[in-house]
Amino acid sequence: MSFRETLQDIVENVGGGLGAVIMGYDGIPIDEYVQESDALDVQLLTAEYAAVLKEIKRTVEVLKSGVLEEVAINTELSTAIFRVINEDFFIVLVMTSDGNFGKGRFLLRREAPRLCEYLQ
C-alpha cells in the first residue's frame, strides 16, 4: 500500500477526518491526503503545527523524559493528532473537533510502524 493510500484509508475511516500528512520536522510534507474543506487549510495548519512539534520534541529531549510518541492539539474547529514515525518524520491526522479521537489515535499507532519500514 502506498503512502497516499494509507493516508486516505486513515482519513476516510476515522470519522470526521479532514486530512493526513507524513512530514519531516522541517515542515516539508512527504505525502498527504486531504479532503476538500472550506473550514480549514489542512496543508497550512500541518506546516505551522510542525514548527510547534519540533519545539516540543526538542524540549522532551532536553528534559530527558523519554522519546516523544504522540501529541494532540484540540481547537474549537479541529483536532490534530501527531504520531512520531521515526527520528526524522511524523504523521499528523486532522479531524473536525467532533471526530473520533480514540479511533484516530488507534489508526495512527497501528500504521506508524509500517510507515517507518517504508521510510527506511
Protein backbone atom coordinates (compact mmCIF):
# COMPACT_ATOMS: atom_id res chain seq x y z
CA MET A 1 0.00 0.00 0.00
CA SER A 2 1.41 3.43 -0.94
CA PHE A 3 1.74 6.36 1.46
CA ARG A 4 -1.22 8.11 -0.15
CA GLU A 5 -3.43 5.00 0.09
CA THR A 6 -2.51 4.56 3.75
CA LEU A 7 -3.31 8.21 4.49
CA GLN A 8 -6.59 8.01 2.59
CA ASP A 9 -7.57 4.89 4.50
CA ILE A 10 -6.93 6.64 7.82
CA VAL A 11 -8.83 9.82 6.88
CA GLU A 12 -11.83 8.02 5.43
CA ASN A 13 -12.16 5.53 8.29
CA VAL A 14 -11.66 7.74 11.33
CA GLY A 15 -14.93 9.67 11.30
CA GLY A 16 -14.57 13.41 10.87
CA GLY A 17 -11.23 13.10 9.06
CA LEU A 18 -10.12 16.13 7.06
CA GLY A 19 -6.62 15.10 6.08
CA ALA A 20 -3.44 13.27 6.97
CA VAL A 21 0.13 14.20 6.18
CA ILE A 22 3.50 12.50 6.53
CA MET A 23 6.11 15.16 7.07
CA GLY A 24 9.53 15.94 8.43
CA TYR A 25 10.23 18.22 11.35
CA ASP A 26 11.26 20.85 8.79
CA GLY A 27 7.59 21.14 7.80
CA ILE A 28 8.05 19.67 4.32
CA PRO A 29 5.41 17.03 3.51
CA ILE A 30 6.44 13.64 2.14
CA ASP A 31 2.90 12.76 1.11
CA GLU A 32 -0.63 13.78 2.02
CA TYR A 33 -4.28 13.02 1.55
CA VAL A 34 -6.61 15.95 2.14
CA GLN A 35 -10.35 16.13 1.67
CA GLU A 36 -11.87 19.35 0.38
CA SER A 37 -12.78 21.63 3.28
CA ASP A 38 -13.90 25.24 3.36
CA ALA A 39 -13.36 25.40 7.11
CA LEU A 40 -9.61 24.73 7.30
CA ASP A 41 -6.48 24.83 5.17
CA VAL A 42 -5.08 21.47 6.27
CA GLN A 43 -1.74 21.93 4.46
CA LEU A 44 -1.10 25.29 6.14
CA LEU A 45 -2.27 24.01 9.52
CA THR A 46 0.06 21.00 9.44
CA ALA A 47 3.04 23.04 8.26
CA GLU A 48 2.60 25.56 11.07
CA TYR A 49 2.00 22.88 13.69
CA ALA A 50 5.21 21.13 12.53
CA ALA A 51 7.20 24.03 14.00
CA VAL A 52 5.38 23.58 17.31
CA LEU A 53 6.02 19.84 17.28
CA LYS A 54 9.72 20.42 16.57
CA GLU A 55 9.93 22.58 19.71
CA ILE A 56 8.06 20.00 21.78
CA LYS A 57 10.45 17.30 20.56
CA ARG A 58 13.45 19.46 21.48
CA THR A 59 12.01 20.15 24.93
CA VAL A 60 11.37 16.45 25.57
CA GLU A 61 14.99 15.72 24.63
CA VAL A 62 16.34 18.48 26.91
CA LEU A 63 14.25 17.18 29.80
CA LYS A 64 15.39 13.61 29.08
CA SER A 65 11.84 12.40 29.65
CA GLY A 66 11.94 9.68 27.00
CA VAL A 67 11.19 9.59 23.30
CA LEU A 68 8.27 11.68 22.06
CA GLU A 69 5.47 9.45 20.76
CA GLU A 70 2.28 11.47 20.35
CA VAL A 71 0.87 14.99 20.67
CA ALA A 72 -2.69 16.24 20.19
CA ILE A 73 -3.85 19.79 19.61
CA ASN A 74 -7.56 20.44 20.09
CA THR A 75 -9.23 23.66 19.00
CA GLU A 76 -12.80 24.77 18.53
CA LEU A 77 -12.75 23.71 14.87
CA SER A 78 -10.30 20.84 14.71
CA THR A 79 -8.25 18.17 16.38
CA ALA A 80 -4.75 17.36 15.15
CA ILE A 81 -3.05 14.18 16.33
CA PHE A 82 0.67 13.81 15.70
CA ARG A 83 2.34 10.40 15.86
CA VAL A 84 6.12 10.05 15.57
CA ILE A 85 7.20 7.61 12.86
CA ASN A 86 10.97 7.85 13.44
CA GLU A 87 13.50 10.50 14.46
CA ASP A 88 13.00 12.41 11.19
CA PHE A 89 9.32 12.00 10.33
CA PHE A 90 5.85 12.05 11.84
CA ILE A 91 2.28 11.62 10.68
CA VAL A 92 -0.46 14.09 11.51
CA LEU A 93 -4.18 13.43 11.30
CA VAL A 94 -6.51 16.43 11.18
CA MET A 95 -10.15 15.89 12.09
CA THR A 96 -13.16 18.00 12.85
CA SER A 97 -13.46 18.79 16.55
CA ASP A 98 -16.17 16.15 16.88
CA GLY A 99 -14.15 13.49 15.05
CA ASN A 100 -13.43 10.12 16.61
CA PHE A 101 -10.32 10.94 18.63
CA GLY A 102 -9.80 7.44 20.02
CA LYS A 103 -10.05 5.79 16.63
CA GLY A 104 -7.69 8.39 15.19
CA ARG A 105 -5.08 7.57 17.83
CA PHE A 106 -5.56 3.85 17.19
CA LEU A 107 -5.18 4.16 13.40
CA LEU A 108 -2.02 6.26 13.70
CA ARG A 109 -0.47 3.90 16.26
CA ARG A 110 -1.29 0.94 14.01
CA GLU A 111 0.17 2.48 10.84
CA ALA A 112 3.28 4.23 12.24
CA PRO A 113 5.48 1.08 12.36
CA ARG A 114 4.55 0.17 8.78
CA LEU A 115 5.29 3.70 7.59
CA CYS A 116 8.62 3.58 9.43
CA GLU A 117 9.59 0.46 7.45
CA TYR A 118 8.74 2.19 4.16
CA LEU A 119 10.80 5.25 5.10
CA GLN A 120 13.96 3.23 5.85
